[in-house]
Each structure stands twice: as C-alpha cells, then as structure tokens.
C-alpha cells in the first residue's frame, strides 16, 4: 500500500531548503505546474518566495515580490563570491528583523 504524504495530497508548492544553521533556516518556495489548491478557498502561489525562520526568536518572515527579488540577487552574489557563515548570518539577521509571524510548525 502506498501512502501519499500530506504535502503531496495538499499539492503544496515545491520547497527547497537553502540554508540551515543553529540560528536560521532559509527555504525557497516555488509554485509547481500543478499548483491547484486542494480546496477552492485556498490561495494559489503565484511566484517564487523565500521563508526565513529565526530559530532564536521562533519567528519567520516570508519574502515575495520585490523582497524576494532582492533576496534572489543576494543569493546570486553569494554564488559568485562565497561568503563566510558570519556574513550569511549577518544578512539573514537583517531580514529576520522583519519577522513578525510565530513559527507554528516546522
């Protein structure tokens, strides 16, 4: 018997962990081709975004739109010039200041 995961059954967007440290987690959230909601009242993800979880405060921020574009440029810069963990954490700290939502499940 094959059991579908909750994520598969709800047809959530693709989620890729980009970074995980003692202080932060960064997840890239991408809409999938079959990103139809399980119920008509659920929103559909229109474009890429990034979730940054501050493990220290237990809060998260979701970046989309121009914030996601800015963060994507930061990732591209990191790919060209590999940063230290301290540099990454300092950048994430700045975004974490925007975090208002408590993490309910991760």
PDB file of N, CA and C in Angstrom:
ATOM      1  N   UNK A   1       0.840  -1.174   0.000  1.00  0.00           N
ATOM      2  CA  UNK A   1       0.000   0.000   0.000  1.00  0.00           C
ATOM      3  C   UNK A   1       0.887   1.239   0.000  1.00  0.00           C
ATOM      4  N   UNK A   2       0.628   2.197  -0.897  1.00  0.00           N
ATOM      5  CA  UNK A   2       1.395   3.436  -0.992  1.00  0.00           C
ATOM      6  C   UNK A   2       0.599   4.536  -0.315  1.00  0.00           C
ATOM      7  N   UNK A   3       1.250   5.254   0.576  1.00  0.00           N
ATOM      8  CA  UNK A   3       0.598   6.349   1.277  1.00  0.00           C
ATOM      9  C   UNK A   3       1.162   7.658   0.763  1.00  0.00           C
ATOM     10  N   UNK A   4       0.304   8.556   0.342  1.00  0.00           N
ATOM     11  CA  UNK A   4       0.754   9.873  -0.093  1.00  0.00           C
ATOM     12  C   UNK A   4       1.068  10.718   1.130  1.00  0.00           C
ATOM     13  N   UNK A   5       2.095  11.539   1.017  1.00  0.00           N
ATOM     14  CA  UNK A   5       2.403  12.437   2.124  1.00  0.00           C
ATOM     15  C   UNK A   5       1.360  13.545   2.174  1.00  0.00           C
ATOM     16  N   UNK A   6       1.281  14.198   3.301  1.00  0.00           N
ATOM     17  CA  UNK A   6       0.357  15.305   3.463  1.00  0.00           C
ATOM     18  C   UNK A   6       0.658  16.390   2.445  1.00  0.00           C
ATOM     19  N   UNK A   7       1.935  16.655   2.225  1.00  0.00           N
ATOM     20  CA  UNK A   7       2.312  17.686   1.260  1.00  0.00           C
ATOM     21  C   UNK A   7       1.839  17.309  -0.129  1.00  0.00           C
ATOM     22  N   UNK A   8       2.055  16.055  -0.546  1.00  0.00           N
ATOM     23  CA  UNK A   8       1.596  15.622  -1.863  1.00  0.00           C
ATOM     24  C   UNK A   8       0.088  15.712  -1.986  1.00  0.00           C
ATOM     25  N   UNK A   9      -0.606  15.306  -0.962  1.00  0.00           N
ATOM     26  CA  UNK A   9      -2.062  15.280  -1.046  1.00  0.00           C
ATOM     27  C   UNK A   9      -2.657  16.682  -1.083  1.00  0.00           C
ATOM     28  N   UNK A  10      -1.941  17.655  -0.503  1.00  0.00           N
ATOM     29  CA  UNK A  10      -2.449  19.022  -0.499  1.00  0.00           C
ATOM     30  C   UNK A  10      -1.905  19.834  -1.675  1.00  0.00           C
ATOM     31  N   UNK A  11      -1.016  19.219  -2.468  1.00  0.00           N
ATOM     32  CA  UNK A  11      -0.431  19.861  -3.643  1.00  0.00           C
ATOM     33  C   UNK A  11       0.221  21.188  -3.303  1.00  0.00           C
ATOM     34  N   UNK A  12       1.068  21.173  -2.285  1.00  0.00           N
ATOM     35  CA  UNK A  12       1.808  22.377  -1.903  1.00  0.00           C
ATOM     36  C   UNK A  12       2.883  22.663  -2.934  1.00  0.00           C
ATOM     37  N   UNK A  13       3.341  23.901  -2.966  1.00  0.00           N
ATOM     38  CA  UNK A  13       4.447  24.227  -3.859  1.00  0.00           C
ATOM     39  C   UNK A  13       5.721  23.495  -3.448  1.00  0.00           C
ATOM     40  N   UNK A  14       6.670  23.437  -4.368  1.00  0.00           N
ATOM     41  CA  UNK A  14       7.953  22.811  -4.083  1.00  0.00           C
ATOM     42  C   UNK A  14       8.711  23.674  -3.082  1.00  0.00           C
ATOM     43  N   UNK A  15       9.326  23.015  -2.111  1.00  0.00           N
ATOM     44  CA  UNK A  15      10.074  23.730  -1.082  1.00  0.00           C
ATOM     45  C   UNK A  15      11.476  23.142  -1.030  1.00  0.00           C
ATOM     46  N   UNK A  16      12.488  24.027  -1.123  1.00  0.00           N
ATOM     47  CA  UNK A  16      13.873  23.593  -1.130  1.00  0.00           C
ATOM     48  C   UNK A  16      14.637  24.323  -0.033  1.00  0.00           C
ATOM     49  N   UNK A  17      15.192  23.567   0.904  1.00  0.00           N
ATOM     50  CA  UNK A  17      15.970  24.180   1.961  1.00  0.00           C
ATOM     51  C   UNK A  17      17.290  24.663   1.382  1.00  0.00           C
ATOM     52  N   UNK A  18      17.568  25.951   1.564  1.00  0.00           N
ATOM     53  CA  UNK A  18      18.793  26.538   1.059  1.00  0.00           C
ATOM     54  C   UNK A  18      19.858  26.690   2.139  1.00  0.00           C
ATOM     55  N   UNK A  19      19.408  26.821   3.388  1.00  0.00           N
ATOM     56  CA  UNK A  19      20.350  27.100   4.465  1.00  0.00           C
ATOM     57  C   UNK A  19      19.747  26.641   5.776  1.00  0.00           C
ATOM     58  N   UNK A  20      20.583  26.037   6.620  1.00  0.00           N
ATOM     59  CA  UNK A  20      20.135  25.585   7.931  1.00  0.00           C
ATOM     60  C   UNK A  20      21.316  25.692   8.893  1.00  0.00           C
ATOM     61  N   UNK A  21      21.170  26.533   9.909  1.00  0.00           N
ATOM     62  CA  UNK A  21      22.206  26.684  10.923  1.00  0.00           C
ATOM     63  C   UNK A  21      21.541  26.640  12.295  1.00  0.00           C
ATOM     64  N   UNK A  22      22.316  26.871  13.321  1.00  0.00           N
ATOM     65  CA  UNK A  22      21.749  26.915  14.668  1.00  0.00           C
ATOM     66  C   UNK A  22      20.788  28.084  14.836  1.00  0.00           C
ATOM     67  N   UNK A  23      20.966  29.135  14.029  1.00  0.00           N
ATOM     68  CA  UNK A  23      20.163  30.347  14.186  1.00  0.00           C
ATOM     69  C   UNK A  23      19.064  30.521  13.141  1.00  0.00           C
ATOM     70  N   UNK A  24      19.288  30.041  11.904  1.00  0.00           N
ATOM     71  CA  UNK A  24      18.355  30.324  10.811  1.00  0.00           C
ATOM     72  C   UNK A  24      18.094  29.107   9.928  1.00  0.00           C
ATOM     73  N   UNK A  25      16.927  29.149   9.287  1.00  0.00           N
ATOM     74  CA  UNK A  25      16.592  28.244   8.189  1.00  0.00           C
ATOM     75  C   UNK A  25      16.062  29.118   7.060  1.00  0.00           C
ATOM     76  N   UNK A  26      16.516  28.827   5.838  1.00  0.00           N
ATOM     77  CA  UNK A  26      16.011  29.534   4.666  1.00  0.00           C
ATOM     78  C   UNK A  26      15.469  28.494   3.698  1.00  0.00           C
ATOM     79  N   UNK A  27      14.219  28.689   3.287  1.00  0.00           N
ATOM     80  CA  UNK A  27      13.556  27.770   2.364  1.00  0.00           C
ATOM     81  C   UNK A  27      13.106  28.551   1.141  1.00  0.00           C
ATOM     82  N   UNK A  28      13.414  28.020  -0.044  1.00  0.00           N
ATOM     83  CA  UNK A  28      12.952  28.598  -1.311  1.00  0.00           C
ATOM     84  C   UNK A  28      11.643  27.896  -1.664  1.00  0.00           C
ATOM     85  N   UNK A  29      10.590  28.672  -1.828  1.00  0.00           N
ATOM     86  CA  UNK A  29       9.269  28.126  -2.130  1.00  0.00           C
ATOM     87  C   UNK A  29       8.936  28.482  -3.576  1.00  0.00           C
ATOM     88  N   UNK A  30       8.662  27.448  -4.371  1.00  0.00           N
ATOM     89  CA  UNK A  30       8.374  27.649  -5.787  1.00  0.00           C
ATOM     90  C   UNK A  30       7.018  27.047  -6.140  1.00  0.00           C
ATOM     91  N   UNK A  31       6.237  27.768  -6.947  1.00  0.00           N
ATOM     92  CA  UNK A  31       4.977  27.163  -7.393  1.00  0.00           C
ATOM     93  C   UNK A  31       5.274  25.983  -8.317  1.00  0.00           C
ATOM     94  N   UNK A  32       4.442  24.984  -8.263  1.00  0.00           N
ATOM     95  CA  UNK A  32       4.604  23.849  -9.157  1.00  0.00           C
ATOM     96  C   UNK A  32       3.648  24.011 -10.320  1.00  0.00           C
ATOM     97  N   UNK A  33       3.877  23.237 -11.376  1.00  0.00           N
ATOM     98  CA  UNK A  33       2.989  23.319 -12.537  1.00  0.00           C
ATOM     99  C   UNK A  33       1.568  22.932 -12.172  1.00  0.00           C
ATOM    100  N   UNK A  34       1.426  22.000 -11.257  1.00  0.00           N
ATOM    101  CA  UNK A  34       0.114  21.525 -10.835  1.00  0.00           C
ATOM    102  C   UNK A  34      -0.210  22.117  -9.467  1.00  0.00           C
ATOM    103  N   UNK A  35      -0.124  23.442  -9.360  1.00  0.00           N
ATOM    104  CA  UNK A  35      -0.289  24.105  -8.071  1.00  0.00           C
ATOM    105  C   UNK A  35      -1.749  24.508  -7.834  1.00  0.00           C
ATOM    106  N   UNK A  36      -2.649  23.596  -8.105  1.00  0.00           N
ATOM    107  CA  UNK A  36      -4.068  23.849  -7.855  1.00  0.00           C
ATOM    108  C   UNK A  36      -4.360  23.578  -6.390  1.00  0.00           C
ATOM    109  N   UNK A  37      -5.107  24.456  -5.752  1.00  0.00           N
ATOM    110  CA  UNK A  37      -5.401  24.227  -4.343  1.00  0.00           C
ATOM    111  C   UNK A  37      -6.284  22.999  -4.135  1.00  0.00           C
ATOM    112  N   UNK A  38      -6.130  22.377  -2.963  1.00  0.00           N
ATOM    113  CA  UNK A  38      -6.938  21.209  -2.629  1.00  0.00           C
ATOM    114  C   UNK A  38      -8.392  21.593  -2.447  1.00  0.00           C
ATOM    115  N   UNK A  39      -8.634  22.829  -2.070  1.00  0.00           N
ATOM    116  CA  UNK A  39      -9.988  23.351  -1.911  1.00  0.00           C
ATOM    117  C   UNK A  39     -10.048  24.719  -2.584  1.00  0.00           C
ATOM    118  N   UNK A  40     -11.164  25.070  -3.164  1.00  0.00           N
ATOM    119  CA  UNK A  40     -11.250  26.321  -3.927  1.00  0.00           C
ATOM    120  C   UNK A  40     -10.958  27.579  -3.101  1.00  0.00           C
ATOM    121  N   UNK A  41     -11.138  27.528  -1.803  1.00  0.00           N
ATOM    122  CA  UNK A  41     -10.917  28.713  -0.975  1.00  0.00           C
ATOM    123  C   UNK A  41      -9.453  28.934  -0.606  1.00  0.00           C
ATOM    124  N   UNK A  42      -8.549  27.982  -0.939  1.00  0.00           N
ATOM    125  CA  UNK A  42      -7.141  28.134  -0.623  1.00  0.00           C
ATOM    126  C   UNK A  42      -6.435  28.953  -1.703  1.00  0.00           C
ATOM    127  N   UNK A  43      -5.518  29.829  -1.310  1.00  0.00           N
ATOM    128  CA  UNK A  43      -4.798  30.638  -2.297  1.00  0.00           C
ATOM    129  C   UNK A  43      -3.811  29.792  -3.095  1.00  0.00           C
ATOM    130  N   UNK A  44      -3.487  30.256  -4.290  1.00  0.00           N
ATOM    131  CA  UNK A  44      -2.507  29.605  -5.143  1.00  0.00           C
ATOM    132  C   UNK A  44      -1.256  30.469  -5.150  1.00  0.00           C
ATOM    133  N   UNK A  45      -0.105  29.852  -4.976  1.00  0.00           N
ATOM    134  CA  UNK A  45       1.154  30.577  -5.004  1.00  0.00           C
ATOM    135  C   UNK A  45       1.432  31.031  -6.428  1.00  0.00           C
ATOM    136  N   UNK A  46       1.598  32.341  -6.619  1.00  0.00           N
ATOM    137  CA  UNK A  46       1.764  32.894  -7.951  1.00  0.00           C
ATOM    138  C   UNK A  46       3.219  32.896  -8.417  1.00  0.00           C
ATOM    139  N   UNK A  47       4.168  33.043  -7.482  1.00  0.00           N
ATOM    140  CA  UNK A  47       5.570  33.093  -7.873  1.00  0.00           C
ATOM    141  C   UNK A  47       6.469  32.708  -6.709  1.00  0.00           C
ATOM    142  N   UNK A  48       7.763  32.614  -7.021  1.00  0.00           N
ATOM    143  CA  UNK A  48       8.745  32.204  -6.017  1.00  0.00           C
ATOM    144  C   UNK A  48       8.745  33.118  -4.799  1.00  0.00           C
ATOM    145  N   UNK A  49       9.164  32.541  -3.683  1.00  0.00           N
ATOM    146  CA  UNK A  49       9.347  33.310  -2.467  1.00  0.00           C
ATOM    147  C   UNK A  49      10.354  32.606  -1.576  1.00  0.00           C
ATOM    148  N   UNK A  50      10.706  33.258  -0.489  1.00  0.00           N
ATOM    149  CA  UNK A  50      11.674  32.711   0.451  1.00  0.00           C
ATOM    150  C   UNK A  50      11.133  32.851   1.860  1.00  0.00           C
ATOM    151  N   UNK A  51      11.213  31.774   2.611  1.00  0.00           N
ATOM    152  CA  UNK A  51      10.840  31.809   4.019  1.00  0.00           C
ATOM    153  C   UNK A  51      12.129  31.786   4.831  1.00  0.00           C
ATOM    154  N   UNK A  52      12.254  32.758   5.731  1.00  0.00           N
ATOM    155  CA  UNK A  52      13.406  32.823   6.623  1.00  0.00           C
ATOM    156  C   UNK A  52      12.888  32.641   8.040  1.00  0.00           C
ATOM    157  N   UNK A  53      13.382  31.606   8.697  1.00  0.00           N
ATOM    158  CA  UNK A  53      12.984  31.311  10.067  1.00  0.00           C
ATOM    159  C   UNK A  53      14.144  31.662  10.989  1.00  0.00           C
ATOM    160  N   UNK A  54      13.845  32.499  11.969  1.00  0.00           N
ATOM    161  CA  UNK A  54      14.816  32.836  13.008  1.00  0.00           C
ATOM    162  C   UNK A  54      14.554  31.883  14.164  1.00  0.00           C
ATOM    163  N   UNK A  55      15.404  30.889  14.312  1.00  0.00           N
ATOM    164  CA  UNK A  55      15.208  29.863  15.339  1.00  0.00           C
ATOM    165  C   UNK A  55      15.317  30.441  16.745  1.00  0.00           C
ATOM    166  N   UNK A  56      16.076  31.506  16.891  1.00  0.00           N
ATOM    167  CA  UNK A  56      16.289  32.101  18.211  1.00  0.00           C
ATOM    168  C   UNK A  56      15.016  32.763  18.736  1.00  0.00           C
ATOM    169  N   UNK A  57      14.294  33.443  17.850  1.00  0.00           N
ATOM    170  CA  UNK A  57      13.083  34.150  18.282  1.00  0.00           C
ATOM    171  C   UNK A  57      11.820  33.316  18.074  1.00  0.00           C
ATOM    172  N   UNK A  58      11.937  32.255  17.254  1.00  0.00           N
ATOM    173  CA  UNK A  58      10.761  31.448  16.954  1.00  0.00           C
ATOM    174  C   UNK A  58       9.809  32.149  16.008  1.00  0.00           C
ATOM    175  N   UNK A  59      10.349  33.065  15.173  1.00  0.00           N
ATOM    176  CA  UNK A  59       9.514  33.805  14.219  1.00  0.00           C
ATOM    177  C   UNK A  59      10.032  33.595  12.807  1.00  0.00           C
ATOM    178  N   UNK A  60       9.143  33.844  11.853  1.00  0.00           N
ATOM    179  CA  UNK A  60       9.506  33.688  10.450  1.00  0.00           C
ATOM    180  C   UNK A  60       8.977  34.853   9.643  1.00  0.00           C
ATOM    181  N   UNK A  61       9.632  35.058   8.497  1.00  0.00           N
ATOM    182  CA  UNK A  61       9.182  36.068   7.543  1.00  0.00           C
ATOM    183  C   UNK A  61       9.164  35.410   6.171  1.00  0.00           C
ATOM    184  N   UNK A  62       8.144  35.725   5.377  1.00  0.00           N
ATOM    185  CA  UNK A  62       8.046  35.207   4.012  1.00  0.00           C
ATOM    186  C   UNK A  62       8.297  36.368   3.064  1.00  0.00           C
ATOM    187  N   UNK A  63       9.305  36.227   2.228  1.00  0.00           N
ATOM    188  CA  UNK A  63       9.654  37.263   1.264  1.00  0.00           C
ATOM    189  C   UNK A  63       9.083  36.906  -0.098  1.00  0.00           C
ATOM    190  N   UNK A  64       8.288  37.811  -0.652  1.00  0.00           N
ATOM    191  CA  UNK A  64       7.835  37.632  -2.027  1.00  0.00           C
ATOM    192  C   UNK A  64       7.901  38.982  -2.718  1.00  0.00           C
ATOM    193  N   UNK A  65       7.551  39.017  -3.979  1.00  0.00           N
ATOM    194  CA  UNK A  65       7.590  40.269  -4.720  1.00  0.00           C
ATOM    195  C   UNK A  65       8.983  40.861  -4.767  1.00  0.00           C
ATOM    196  N   UNK A  66       9.075  42.176  -4.548  1.00  0.00           N
ATOM    197  CA  UNK A  66      10.365  42.858  -4.642  1.00  0.00           C
ATOM    198  C   UNK A  66      11.334  42.403  -3.553  1.00  0.00           C
ATOM    199  N   UNK A  67      10.823  42.005  -2.388  1.00  0.00           N
ATOM    200  CA  UNK A  67      11.696  41.481  -1.332  1.00  0.00           C
ATOM    201  C   UNK A  67      12.343  40.177  -1.789  1.00  0.00           C
ATOM    202  N   UNK A  68      11.580  39.307  -2.438  1.00  0.00           N
ATOM    203  CA  UNK A  68      12.131  38.037  -2.940  1.00  0.00           C
ATOM    204  C   UNK A  68      13.144  38.308  -4.041  1.00  0.00           C
ATOM    205  N   UNK A  69      12.860  39.290  -4.896  1.00  0.00           N
ATOM    206  CA  UNK A  69      13.805  39.639  -5.957  1.00  0.00           C
ATOM    207  C   UNK A  69      15.129  40.111  -5.362  1.00  0.00           C
ATOM    208  N   UNK A  70      15.054  40.944  -4.333  1.00  0.00           N
ATOM    209  CA  UNK A  70      16.247  41.449  -3.665  1.00  0.00           C
ATOM    210  C   UNK A  70      17.034  40.301  -3.024  1.00  0.00           C
ATOM    211  N   UNK A  71      16.321  39.384  -2.370  1.00  0.00           N
ATOM    212  CA  UNK A  71      16.989  38.251  -1.733  1.00  0.00           C
ATOM    213  C   UNK A  71      17.601  37.324  -2.779  1.00  0.00           C
ATOM    214  N   UNK A  72      16.929  37.145  -3.918  1.00  0.00           N
ATOM    215  CA  UNK A  72      17.466  36.312  -5.005  1.00  0.00           C
ATOM    216  C   UNK A  72      18.773  36.910  -5.523  1.00  0.00           C
ATOM    217  N   UNK A  73      18.845  38.232  -5.610  1.00  0.00           N
ATOM    218  CA  UNK A  73      20.088  38.893  -6.035  1.00  0.00           C
ATOM    219  C   UNK A  73      21.201  38.639  -5.018  1.00  0.00           C
ATOM    220  N   UNK A  74      20.847  38.621  -3.730  1.00  0.00           N
ATOM    221  CA  UNK A  74      21.837  38.335  -2.691  1.00  0.00           C
ATOM    222  C   UNK A  74      22.365  36.912  -2.846  1.00  0.00           C
ATOM    223  N   UNK A  75      21.488  35.973  -3.123  1.00  0.00           N
ATOM    224  CA  UNK A  75      21.903  34.577  -3.322  1.00  0.00           C
ATOM    225  C   UNK A  75      22.834  34.473  -4.531  1.00  0.00           C
ATOM    226  N   UNK A  76      22.489  35.171  -5.610  1.00  0.00           N
ATOM    227  CA  UNK A  76      23.341  35.155  -6.808  1.00  0.00           C
ATOM    228  C   UNK A  76      24.726  35.721  -6.488  1.00  0.00           C
ATOM    229  N   UNK A  77      24.778  36.772  -5.695  1.00  0.00           N
ATOM    230  CA  UNK A  77      26.064  37.350  -5.304  1.00  0.00           C
ATOM    231  C   UNK A  77      26.866  36.355  -4.468  1.00  0.00           C
ATOM    232  N   UNK A  78      26.180  35.637  -3.571  1.00  0.00           N
ATOM    233  CA  UNK A  78      26.862  34.629  -2.760  1.00  0.00           C
ATOM    234  C   UNK A  78      27.411  33.504  -3.624  1.00  0.00           C
ATOM    235  N   UNK A  79      26.711  33.177  -4.709  1.00  0.00           N
ATOM    236  CA  UNK A  79      27.182  32.108  -5.589  1.00  0.00           C
ATOM    237  C   UNK A  79      28.460  32.514  -6.326  1.00  0.00           C
ATOM    238  N   UNK A  80      28.602  33.807  -6.602  1.00  0.00           N
ATOM    239  CA  UNK A  80      29.798  34.301  -7.276  1.00  0.00           C
ATOM    240  C   UNK A  80      30.975  34.470  -6.321  1.00  0.00           C
ATOM    241  N   UNK A  81      30.676  34.848  -5.096  1.00  0.00           N
ATOM    242  CA  UNK A  81      31.706  35.157  -4.114  1.00  0.00           C
ATOM    243  C   UNK A  81      31.302  34.510  -2.796  1.00  0.00           C
ATOM    244  N   UNK A  82      31.724  33.293  -2.577  1.00  0.00           N
ATOM    245  CA  UNK A  82      31.291  32.506  -1.423  1.00  0.00           C
ATOM    246  C   UNK A  82      31.518  33.250  -0.112  1.00  0.00           C
ATOM    247  N   UNK A  83      30.430  33.514   0.625  1.00  0.00           N
ATOM    248  CA  UNK A  83      30.557  34.249   1.884  1.00  0.00           C
ATOM    249  C   UNK A  83      30.933  33.318   3.035  1.00  0.00           C
ATOM    250  N   UNK A  84      31.358  33.934   4.124  1.00  0.00           N
ATOM    251  CA  UNK A  84      31.573  33.179   5.353  1.00  0.00           C
ATOM    252  C   UNK A  84      30.211  32.960   6.007  1.00  0.00           C
ATOM    253  N   UNK A  85      30.150  32.038   6.942  1.00  0.00           N
ATOM    254  CA  UNK A  85      28.896  31.821   7.656  1.00  0.00           C
ATOM    255  C   UNK A  85      28.492  33.095   8.394  1.00  0.00           C
ATOM    256  N   UNK A  86      29.460  33.811   8.931  1.00  0.00           N
ATOM    257  CA  UNK A  86      29.159  35.053   9.643  1.00  0.00           C
ATOM    258  C   UNK A  86      28.514  36.084   8.721  1.00  0.00           C
ATOM    259  N   UNK A  87      29.001  36.178   7.483  1.00  0.00           N
ATOM    260  CA  UNK A  87      28.416  37.118   6.514  1.00  0.00           C
ATOM    261  C   UNK A  87      26.980  36.725   6.170  1.00  0.00           C
ATOM    262  N   UNK A  88      26.743  35.429   5.995  1.00  0.00           N
ATOM    263  CA  UNK A  88      25.389  34.951   5.707  1.00  0.00           C
ATOM    264  C   UNK A  88      24.469  35.259   6.885  1.00  0.00           C
ATOM    265  N   UNK A  89      24.932  34.934   8.077  1.00  0.00           N
ATOM    266  CA  UNK A  89      24.110  35.148   9.276  1.00  0.00           C
ATOM    267  C   UNK A  89      23.818  36.640   9.487  1.00  0.00           C
ATOM    268  N   UNK A  90      24.785  37.504   9.205  1.00  0.00           N
ATOM    269  CA  UNK A  90      24.563  38.945   9.342  1.00  0.00           C
ATOM    270  C   UNK A  90      23.477  39.416   8.378  1.00  0.00           C
ATOM    271  N   UNK A  91      23.508  38.909   7.143  1.00  0.00           N
ATOM    272  CA  UNK A  91      22.485  39.268   6.160  1.00  0.00           C
ATOM    273  C   UNK A  91      21.117  38.757   6.594  1.00  0.00           C
ATOM    274  N   UNK A  92      21.066  37.503   7.035  1.00  0.00           N
ATOM    275  CA  UNK A  92      19.795  36.928   7.475  1.00  0.00           C
ATOM    276  C   UNK A  92      19.261  37.655   8.697  1.00  0.00           C
ATOM    277  N   UNK A  93      20.138  38.106   9.557  1.00  0.00           N
ATOM    278  CA  UNK A  93      19.728  38.875  10.738  1.00  0.00           C
ATOM    279  C   UNK A  93      18.940  40.111  10.317  1.00  0.00           C
ATOM    280  N   UNK A  94      19.401  40.770   9.250  1.00  0.00           N
ATOM    281  CA  UNK A  94      18.692  41.949   8.758  1.00  0.00           C
ATOM    282  C   UNK A  94      17.283  41.623   8.288  1.00  0.00           C
ATOM    283  N   UNK A  95      17.136  40.528   7.571  1.00  0.00           N
ATOM    284  CA  UNK A  95      15.802  40.114   7.128  1.00  0.00           C
ATOM    285  C   UNK A  95      14.956  39.648   8.316  1.00  0.00           C
ATOM    286  N   UNK A  96      15.594  39.005   9.279  1.00  0.00           N
ATOM    287  CA  UNK A  96      14.863  38.477  10.440  1.00  0.00           C
ATOM    288  C   UNK A  96      14.218  39.593  11.250  1.00  0.00           C
ATOM    289  N   UNK A  97      14.741  40.807  11.134  1.00  0.00           N
ATOM    290  CA  UNK A  97      14.125  41.933  11.824  1.00  0.00           C
ATOM    291  C   UNK A  97      12.706  42.195  11.324  1.00  0.00           C
ATOM    292  N   UNK A  98      12.408  41.729  10.127  1.00  0.00           N
ATOM    293  CA  UNK A  98      11.060  41.864   9.556  1.00  0.00           C
ATOM    294  C   UNK A  98      10.100  40.799  10.083  1.00  0.00           C
ATOM    295  N   UNK A  99      10.642  39.761  10.697  1.00  0.00           N
ATOM    296  CA  UNK A  99       9.839  38.614  11.136  1.00  0.00           C
ATOM    297  C   UNK A  99       8.845  39.013  12.231  1.00  0.00           C
ATOM    298  N   UNK A 100       7.580  38.737  11.963  1.00  0.00           N
ATOM    299  CA  UNK A 100       6.512  39.017  12.922  1.00  0.00           C
ATOM    300  C   UNK A 100       5.681  37.770  13.232  1.00  0.00           C
ATOM    301  N   UNK A 101       5.719  36.807  12.320  1.00  0.00           N
ATOM    302  CA  UNK A 101       4.879  35.628  12.434  1.00  0.00           C
ATOM    303  C   UNK A 101       5.546  34.560  13.281  1.00  0.00           C
ATOM    304  N   UNK A 102       4.855  34.106  14.339  1.00  0.00           N
ATOM    305  CA  UNK A 102       5.431  32.999  15.118  1.00  0.00           C
ATOM    306  C   UNK A 102       5.439  31.716  14.294  1.00  0.00           C
ATOM    307  N   UNK A 103       6.470  30.925  14.472  1.00  0.00           N
ATOM    308  CA  UNK A 103       6.553  29.642  13.777  1.00  0.00           C
ATOM    309  C   UNK A 103       5.629  28.685  14.486  1.00  0.00           C
ATOM    310  N   UNK A 104       4.661  28.162  13.749  1.00  0.00           N
ATOM    311  CA  UNK A 104       3.712  27.236  14.347  1.00  0.00           C
ATOM    312  C   UNK A 104       4.079  25.794  14.094  1.00  0.00           C
ATOM    313  N   UNK A 105       4.699  25.521  12.920  1.00  0.00           N
ATOM    314  CA  UNK A 105       5.055  24.138  12.604  1.00  0.00           C
ATOM    315  C   UNK A 105       6.204  24.148  11.605  1.00  0.00           C
ATOM    316  N   UNK A 106       7.323  23.566  12.011  1.00  0.00           N
ATOM    317  CA  UNK A 106       8.479  23.426  11.123  1.00  0.00           C
ATOM    318  C   UNK A 106       9.259  22.226  11.525  1.00  0.00           C
TER     319      UNK A 106
END
